[in-house]
Amino acid sequence: MSTLVTHAHSTTIDRRTLLWRAATVGLTASAGMVLAACGGNASTPAPAMASVAPATKAPTGTTGAATASAVAATASTGSTSFATTNVRMACWSQPISEQANIFGAQENGWFKAQGIDFTFMPGAGGGDALKNILAGNAEFAFTNVEPLLFAIQEGAKLRAIYNIYPQNVFNLLTLKSSGLASVAALKGKKVGVYSQSSGTRYNLLVMLKSAGLKESDVEIVAAGIANFGPLADGKVAATAATDTGLYGAQQGGLRDLNVLWARDVLNTPSDIFVVTEDLYQKKKDLIARFLTGYKQGTQWMLDRPDAAAEVAVKYATDGREIARNRAIIDIRNASTVSDATKANGLGFFDMDLLKKVDATFFDLGITKQRFAMDTIFTNEFLAGL
């Protein structure tokens, strides 16, 4: 049995929630468009249970031989003798079509084969997902790099265990008719972001830095869910968005765009799985079992996107249209793989890249301290998955 946790949130809304709401008015596709950097100030929820019946290489870094052996044994047999364990995954969003790999792991019994009774806990941003695991309301957080670092610098003890989307999905859009085809050309211009505490802003700062510009060289405008309207109307010269946000804008009629990708400057991972340090130290076998089921769902979505699009109809809150599901799944599949994952396996963290992310965020004032990234991010569970 799989379940869905529902709960009330405070009125503080981060950029993932903004984009999720945008999806309902048809301009920006799905909530999955915004996949990075949200602080999320929602209060810690008290969960209530509800059914989610269908409508929901050897890597480098630290290794764990015992964990890898257990995973390999389970994967090779396709069965398990594990006692059933309730596992709650706190997500940054409602269940949406781009997460069809998770629905596939439910639908095809891959979590069940690992002795996992899976619960999807919807949320209002990556910060919200982290608050749920810190409060003991969930075991796994589907979140992103920025709120993880923000939480750690405030004293939280957390560990990133899997790189969900190694590709940076953020971009910067300008109208071709504007003649503004580079970041440098935006000096003195207005640039739209989803909010001032959003991944769109953080990635914009990184892109400005790459062009020798500072935040003060542009006027950043929080455009919220109407993000593409100001661009179309000429009220901003550029707007920061995401891959699925771009898709939604194009489907809504916004064409002839210059698209500048943040990943070409700094390929910060967009989403990651995070656990508490306590769970990491005490329940590595459970982590390995969860990741085994999750990875099977991910490979299935990569191999069978049409089937994934159909499953999304039954589980995703935005999944009514199969064709749209397929388009979003194709976009999300592309963000799931990278040169590093092709060489080292799905979920791999590039530690050298993460050190560049750390240095860049600190230089820009996004974070207040430097981090030992190889003590926060681990690849140890990948062997045998």
Protein backbone atom coordinates (compact mmCIF):
# COMPACT_ATOMS: atom_id res chain seq x y z
CA MET A 1 0.00 0.00 0.00
CA SER A 2 1.18 3.52 -0.77
CA THR A 3 -0.14 6.58 0.94
CA LEU A 4 -0.16 10.32 0.54
CA VAL A 5 0.25 12.65 3.48
CA THR A 6 -1.67 15.90 3.35
CA HIS A 7 -1.23 18.87 5.63
CA ALA A 8 -1.72 22.61 5.93
CA HIS A 9 1.12 25.04 5.39
CA SER A 10 1.68 28.58 6.54
CA THR A 11 1.02 31.40 4.10
CA THR A 12 4.73 31.90 3.36
CA ILE A 13 5.25 30.80 -0.25
CA ASP A 14 8.54 30.02 -1.94
CA ARG A 15 9.32 29.89 -5.61
CA ARG A 16 8.49 26.25 -6.09
CA THR A 17 5.02 26.87 -4.72
CA LEU A 18 4.66 29.93 -6.92
CA LEU A 19 5.39 27.91 -10.01
CA TRP A 20 3.12 25.11 -8.88
CA ARG A 21 0.27 27.62 -8.67
CA ALA A 22 1.23 29.03 -12.04
CA ALA A 23 0.62 25.60 -13.54
CA THR A 24 -3.05 25.83 -12.60
CA VAL A 25 -3.54 28.91 -14.74
CA GLY A 26 -1.84 27.29 -17.70
CA LEU A 27 1.07 29.66 -18.37
CA THR A 28 4.06 27.86 -16.92
CA ALA A 29 3.35 24.14 -17.38
CA SER A 30 3.92 22.31 -14.08
CA ALA A 31 5.19 22.82 -10.59
CA GLY A 32 8.13 20.71 -11.63
CA MET A 33 9.46 23.65 -13.55
CA VAL A 34 11.17 25.14 -10.55
CA LEU A 35 13.57 22.63 -9.13
CA ALA A 36 16.19 24.44 -7.20
CA ALA A 37 17.06 26.68 -4.29
CA CYS A 38 14.13 27.44 -2.09
CA GLY A 39 14.37 28.30 1.56
CA GLY A 40 10.75 27.59 2.33
CA ASN A 41 9.52 29.08 5.59
CA ALA A 42 6.42 26.96 5.94
CA SER A 43 5.74 25.80 9.46
CA THR A 44 6.44 22.18 10.34
CA PRO A 45 3.29 20.25 9.47
CA ALA A 46 1.42 17.72 11.55
CA PRO A 47 0.74 14.93 9.05
CA ALA A 48 -2.62 13.34 8.46
CA MET A 49 -2.85 10.17 6.42
CA ALA A 50 -4.86 9.80 3.25
CA SER A 51 -4.85 7.17 0.53
CA VAL A 52 -2.89 7.86 -2.63
CA ALA A 53 -4.70 5.24 -4.62
CA PRO A 54 -3.96 5.75 -8.26
CA ALA A 55 -4.46 9.52 -8.66
CA THR A 56 -0.89 9.73 -6.65
CA LYS A 57 31.56 1.47 -12.14
CA ALA A 58 32.39 2.16 -8.84
CA PRO A 59 31.71 5.69 -7.69
CA THR A 60 34.38 7.78 -6.08
CA GLY A 61 34.03 9.23 -2.61
CA THR A 62 33.15 7.40 0.60
CA THR A 63 32.23 3.77 0.08
CA GLY A 64 30.43 1.25 2.24
CA ALA A 65 31.22 -2.33 1.30
CA ALA A 66 28.59 -3.87 3.56
CA THR A 67 25.90 -1.53 2.26
CA ALA A 68 26.87 -2.14 -1.35
CA SER A 69 26.81 -5.91 -0.85
CA ALA A 70 23.35 -5.81 0.66
CA VAL A 71 22.03 -3.69 -2.20
CA ALA A 72 23.65 -5.89 -4.84
CA ALA A 73 22.20 -9.04 -3.30
CA THR A 74 18.70 -7.58 -3.24
CA ALA A 75 18.94 -6.20 -6.76
CA SER A 76 20.15 -9.51 -8.17
CA THR A 77 17.32 -11.54 -6.68
CA GLY A 78 14.55 -8.98 -7.22
CA SER A 79 13.07 -10.05 -3.90
CA THR A 80 13.62 -9.45 -0.25
CA SER A 81 13.06 -10.99 3.15
CA PHE A 82 13.01 -7.57 4.82
CA ALA A 83 10.25 -6.85 7.30
CA THR A 84 7.96 -4.17 5.89
CA THR A 85 9.09 -0.68 6.87
CA ASN A 86 7.01 2.47 6.60
CA VAL A 87 9.04 5.02 4.63
CA ARG A 88 7.95 8.63 4.19
CA MET A 89 9.43 10.84 1.51
CA ALA A 90 8.90 14.56 2.11
CA CYS A 91 8.77 16.27 -1.27
CA TRP A 92 9.09 19.92 -2.25
CA SER A 93 5.84 19.69 -4.24
CA GLN A 94 2.57 17.89 -4.72
CA PRO A 95 2.92 14.65 -6.73
CA ILE A 96 3.47 15.90 -10.29
CA SER A 97 4.04 14.29 -13.66
CA GLU A 98 7.81 14.73 -13.74
CA GLN A 99 7.99 12.43 -10.71
CA ALA A 100 6.56 9.48 -12.68
CA ASN A 101 9.66 7.46 -11.76
CA ILE A 102 8.45 7.47 -8.15
CA PHE A 103 4.96 6.46 -9.22
CA GLY A 104 6.52 3.72 -11.32
CA ALA A 105 8.37 2.35 -8.30
CA GLN A 106 5.02 2.25 -6.51
CA GLU A 107 3.00 0.88 -9.44
CA ASN A 108 5.53 -1.82 -10.36
CA GLY A 109 6.22 -2.94 -6.80
CA TRP A 110 9.88 -1.94 -6.64
CA PHE A 111 9.51 -0.24 -3.25
CA LYS A 112 7.47 -3.19 -2.00
CA ALA A 113 10.21 -5.59 -3.14
CA GLN A 114 12.56 -3.69 -0.81
CA GLY A 115 10.20 -4.15 2.13
CA ILE A 116 9.07 -0.52 1.89
CA ASP A 117 5.54 0.72 2.47
CA PHE A 118 5.99 4.07 0.73
CA THR A 119 4.33 7.36 1.66
CA PHE A 120 4.59 10.50 -0.48
CA MET A 121 4.44 13.61 1.72
CA PRO A 122 3.70 16.72 -0.37
CA GLY A 123 5.25 20.03 0.58
CA ALA A 124 5.72 23.69 -0.24
CA GLY A 125 9.39 23.89 -1.21
CA GLY A 126 12.74 22.25 -0.52
CA GLY A 127 13.02 23.98 2.84
CA ASP A 128 9.70 22.47 3.84
CA ALA A 129 10.90 18.98 2.91
CA LEU A 130 13.97 19.44 5.11
CA LYS A 131 11.86 20.64 8.02
CA ASN A 132 9.83 17.45 7.78
CA ILE A 133 12.84 15.16 8.17
CA LEU A 134 14.32 17.31 10.92
CA ALA A 135 11.00 17.12 12.80
CA GLY A 136 10.85 13.34 12.38
CA ASN A 137 7.83 13.47 10.08
CA ALA A 138 9.69 11.78 7.21
CA GLU A 139 12.85 9.79 6.53
CA PHE A 140 13.83 11.22 3.13
CA ALA A 141 13.70 14.77 1.79
CA PHE A 142 13.34 15.43 -1.96
CA THR A 143 14.97 18.88 -1.88
CA ASN A 144 17.75 20.97 -3.40
CA VAL A 145 21.24 22.17 -2.68
CA GLU A 146 20.60 25.71 -1.48
CA PRO A 147 18.20 24.99 1.42
CA LEU A 148 20.45 22.10 2.45
CA LEU A 149 23.39 24.48 2.84
CA PHE A 150 21.22 27.11 4.50
CA ALA A 151 20.02 24.52 7.06
CA ILE A 152 23.55 23.26 7.76
CA GLN A 153 24.89 26.76 8.35
CA GLU A 154 22.10 27.15 10.93
CA GLY A 155 23.30 24.02 12.72
CA ALA A 156 21.27 21.18 11.17
CA LYS A 157 23.08 17.85 10.73
CA LEU A 158 22.16 16.50 7.32
CA ARG A 159 23.59 14.28 4.61
CA ALA A 160 22.92 14.30 0.85
CA ILE A 161 22.76 10.71 -0.41
CA TYR A 162 21.66 10.83 -4.06
CA ASN A 163 21.85 13.29 -6.95
CA ILE A 164 18.32 13.23 -8.38
CA TYR A 165 18.86 15.80 -11.14
CA PRO A 166 22.56 16.46 -11.78
CA GLN A 167 21.76 18.98 -14.51
CA ASN A 168 21.07 22.60 -13.62
CA VAL A 169 17.60 23.25 -15.05
CA PHE A 170 17.67 27.06 -14.76
CA ASN A 171 17.91 29.47 -17.65
CA LEU A 172 17.64 33.12 -18.60
CA LEU A 173 15.23 34.16 -21.36
CA THR A 174 15.16 37.22 -23.59
CA LEU A 175 13.06 38.03 -26.64
CA LYS A 176 15.02 37.74 -29.87
CA SER A 177 13.43 40.99 -30.99
CA SER A 178 15.17 42.78 -28.08
CA GLY A 179 18.64 42.13 -29.47
CA LEU A 180 19.78 41.10 -25.97
CA ALA A 181 21.51 37.80 -26.69
CA SER A 182 24.06 37.70 -23.85
CA VAL A 183 24.17 38.13 -20.10
CA ALA A 184 26.54 41.08 -20.46
CA ALA A 185 23.93 42.89 -22.54
CA LEU A 186 21.62 43.03 -19.53
CA LYS A 187 23.63 45.68 -17.70
CA GLY A 188 21.26 48.42 -16.58
CA LYS A 189 18.18 46.35 -17.48
CA LYS A 190 15.30 44.88 -15.48
CA VAL A 191 15.40 41.10 -15.01
CA GLY A 192 12.48 39.06 -13.69
CA VAL A 193 12.78 36.25 -11.13
CA TYR A 194 10.13 34.14 -9.41
CA SER A 195 10.99 35.64 -6.02
CA GLN A 196 13.97 37.21 -4.28
CA SER A 197 14.60 33.98 -2.33
CA SER A 198 14.27 31.65 -5.30
CA GLY A 199 16.56 29.50 -7.37
CA THR A 200 15.88 31.80 -10.30
CA ARG A 201 17.58 34.63 -8.41
CA TYR A 202 20.50 32.54 -7.14
CA ASN A 203 21.26 31.21 -10.61
CA LEU A 204 20.86 34.69 -12.10
CA LEU A 205 23.55 35.94 -9.69
CA VAL A 206 25.88 33.16 -10.85
CA MET A 207 25.25 34.04 -14.49
CA LEU A 208 25.80 37.75 -13.89
CA LYS A 209 29.11 36.98 -12.18
CA SER A 210 30.23 34.97 -15.21
CA ALA A 211 29.70 38.08 -17.36
CA GLY A 212 31.58 40.35 -14.98
CA LEU A 213 28.39 41.89 -13.60
CA LYS A 214 27.13 42.34 -10.04
CA GLU A 215 23.58 42.21 -8.75
CA SER A 216 23.60 46.01 -8.57
CA ASP A 217 24.29 46.18 -12.31
CA VAL A 218 20.72 45.07 -13.04
CA GLU A 219 17.33 45.67 -11.43
CA ILE A 220 15.93 42.35 -10.21
CA VAL A 221 12.14 42.26 -10.24
CA ALA A 222 10.16 39.59 -8.35
CA ALA A 223 7.58 38.69 -10.98
CA GLY A 224 6.01 35.73 -9.21
CA ILE A 225 3.63 33.49 -11.10
CA ALA A 226 3.21 36.08 -13.85
CA ASN A 227 6.87 35.69 -14.66
CA PHE A 228 6.52 35.45 -18.44
CA GLY A 229 3.89 38.15 -18.79
CA PRO A 230 6.32 40.98 -17.93
CA LEU A 231 8.78 39.63 -20.49
CA ALA A 232 6.15 39.40 -23.21
CA ASP A 233 4.91 42.91 -22.36
CA GLY A 234 8.39 44.44 -22.33
CA LYS A 235 8.26 45.27 -18.62
CA VAL A 236 11.46 43.30 -18.06
CA ALA A 237 14.29 42.74 -20.51
CA ALA A 238 14.89 39.17 -19.40
CA THR A 239 13.42 36.62 -17.06
CA ALA A 240 14.97 33.73 -15.18
CA ALA A 241 13.14 30.42 -15.58
CA THR A 242 13.60 26.65 -15.72
CA ASP A 243 13.51 23.96 -18.41
CA THR A 244 9.87 23.02 -17.85
CA GLY A 245 9.04 26.67 -17.25
CA LEU A 246 10.42 27.39 -20.70
CA TYR A 247 8.27 24.59 -22.11
CA GLY A 248 5.17 26.02 -20.44
CA ALA A 249 5.90 29.51 -21.72
CA GLN A 250 6.34 28.21 -25.27
CA GLN A 251 3.13 26.20 -25.05
CA GLY A 252 1.44 29.39 -23.91
CA GLY A 253 2.54 31.18 -27.07
CA LEU A 254 5.80 32.86 -26.04
CA ARG A 255 8.12 32.14 -28.96
CA ASP A 256 11.31 33.47 -30.57
CA LEU A 257 13.36 33.41 -27.40
CA ASN A 258 17.06 33.54 -26.66
CA VAL A 259 17.77 30.87 -24.03
CA LEU A 260 20.91 31.18 -21.90
CA TRP A 261 21.50 28.14 -19.66
CA ALA A 262 22.86 28.40 -16.12
CA ARG A 263 24.41 24.95 -16.49
CA ASP A 264 26.84 26.37 -19.06
CA VAL A 265 28.21 28.56 -16.28
CA LEU A 266 27.84 26.37 -13.18
CA ASN A 267 26.06 23.02 -13.39
CA THR A 268 24.68 22.99 -9.85
CA PRO A 269 22.54 19.89 -9.20
CA SER A 270 18.87 20.81 -9.21
CA ASP A 271 17.44 18.25 -6.76
CA ILE A 272 18.87 15.77 -4.28
CA PHE A 273 17.80 13.28 -1.63
CA VAL A 274 18.75 14.27 1.91
CA VAL A 275 18.50 12.43 5.24
CA THR A 276 19.35 13.41 8.78
CA GLU A 277 22.81 12.53 10.02
CA ASP A 278 21.16 10.29 12.62
CA LEU A 279 19.35 8.24 9.97
CA TYR A 280 22.52 8.13 7.88
CA GLN A 281 24.52 6.70 10.76
CA LYS A 282 21.89 4.26 12.05
CA LYS A 283 19.86 3.05 9.05
CA LYS A 284 22.13 2.70 6.06
CA ASP A 285 20.39 -0.51 5.05
CA LEU A 286 17.06 1.34 4.83
CA ILE A 287 18.67 4.10 2.76
CA ALA A 288 20.09 1.52 0.36
CA ARG A 289 16.73 -0.23 0.01
CA PHE A 290 14.89 3.03 -0.68
CA LEU A 291 17.44 4.12 -3.27
CA THR A 292 17.31 0.71 -4.95
CA GLY A 293 13.56 1.01 -5.50
CA TYR A 294 13.87 4.66 -6.52
CA LYS A 295 16.61 3.94 -9.04
CA GLN A 296 14.61 1.13 -10.60
CA GLY A 297 11.77 3.59 -11.13
CA THR A 298 14.18 6.13 -12.61
CA GLN A 299 15.67 3.67 -15.08
CA TRP A 300 12.17 2.58 -16.06
CA MET A 301 11.16 6.18 -16.77
CA LEU A 302 14.30 6.65 -18.87
CA ASP A 303 13.65 3.42 -20.79
CA ARG A 304 9.85 3.61 -21.05
CA PRO A 305 8.73 7.26 -21.09
CA ASP A 306 5.41 6.39 -22.73
CA ALA A 307 4.51 4.02 -19.91
CA ALA A 308 5.65 6.61 -17.37
CA ALA A 309 3.38 9.22 -18.99
CA GLU A 310 0.42 6.86 -18.60
CA VAL A 311 1.21 6.10 -14.96
CA ALA A 312 1.41 9.83 -14.24
CA VAL A 313 -2.25 10.13 -15.22
CA LYS A 314 -3.16 7.99 -12.21
CA TYR A 315 -0.87 9.59 -9.65
CA ALA A 316 0.07 13.15 -10.60
CA THR A 317 -2.08 16.12 -9.69
CA ASP A 318 -1.13 17.74 -13.01
CA GLY A 319 -1.12 14.52 -15.04
CA ARG A 320 -4.42 14.45 -16.88
CA GLU A 321 -2.92 14.83 -20.37
CA ILE A 322 -0.66 12.00 -21.54
CA ALA A 323 0.99 14.07 -24.28
CA ARG A 324 1.91 16.81 -21.83
CA ASN A 325 3.14 14.22 -19.32
CA ARG A 326 5.40 12.75 -21.98
CA ALA A 327 6.86 16.15 -22.87
CA ILE A 328 7.59 16.95 -19.22
CA ILE A 329 9.05 13.47 -18.65
CA ASP A 330 11.39 13.89 -21.63
CA ILE A 331 12.61 17.18 -20.18
CA ARG A 332 13.09 15.69 -16.73
CA ASN A 333 14.81 12.58 -18.08
CA ALA A 334 17.35 14.87 -19.73
CA SER A 335 18.14 16.46 -16.35
CA THR A 336 18.54 13.04 -14.70
CA VAL A 337 21.70 12.09 -16.60
CA SER A 338 25.06 13.80 -17.07
CA ASP A 339 28.54 12.85 -18.19
CA ALA A 340 29.33 12.04 -14.56
CA THR A 341 26.32 9.76 -14.13
CA LYS A 342 27.07 8.03 -17.43
CA ALA A 343 30.53 7.21 -16.11
CA ASN A 344 29.62 6.48 -12.48
CA GLY A 345 25.92 5.62 -12.37
CA LEU A 346 22.67 7.44 -11.71
CA GLY A 347 22.70 9.53 -8.55
CA PHE A 348 26.41 10.34 -8.64
CA PHE A 349 27.74 13.53 -7.05
CA ASP A 350 30.68 15.25 -8.76
CA MET A 351 32.67 16.42 -5.72
CA ASP A 352 34.91 18.76 -7.72
CA LEU A 353 31.83 20.48 -9.12
CA LEU A 354 30.25 20.76 -5.67
CA LYS A 355 33.39 22.47 -4.38
CA LYS A 356 33.01 25.03 -7.17
CA VAL A 357 29.37 25.52 -6.16
CA ASP A 358 30.45 26.08 -2.57
CA ALA A 359 33.08 28.66 -3.55
CA THR A 360 30.73 30.48 -5.92
CA PHE A 361 27.83 30.66 -3.46
CA PHE A 362 30.12 32.02 -0.77
CA ASP A 363 31.69 34.61 -3.08
CA LEU A 364 28.23 35.83 -4.08
CA GLY A 365 26.96 35.97 -0.51
CA ILE A 366 24.32 33.30 -1.12
CA THR A 367 25.85 31.33 1.75
CA LYS A 368 27.57 32.76 4.83
CA GLN A 369 30.33 30.18 5.19
CA ARG A 370 32.44 27.66 3.30
CA PHE A 371 31.51 23.98 3.52
CA ALA A 372 33.44 20.71 3.41
CA MET A 373 31.23 19.38 0.63
CA ASP A 374 32.66 15.86 0.70
CA THR A 375 31.46 15.49 4.29
CA ILE A 376 27.91 16.57 3.32
CA PHE A 377 27.47 14.74 0.00
CA THR A 378 28.19 11.03 -0.33
CA ASN A 379 28.32 8.49 -3.16
CA GLU A 380 28.66 5.49 -0.88
CA PHE A 381 25.23 4.02 -1.65
CA LEU A 382 25.67 3.91 -5.41
CA ALA A 383 27.78 0.77 -5.61
CA GLY A 384 25.40 -2.09 -6.25
CA LEU A 385 22.28 -0.01 -6.94
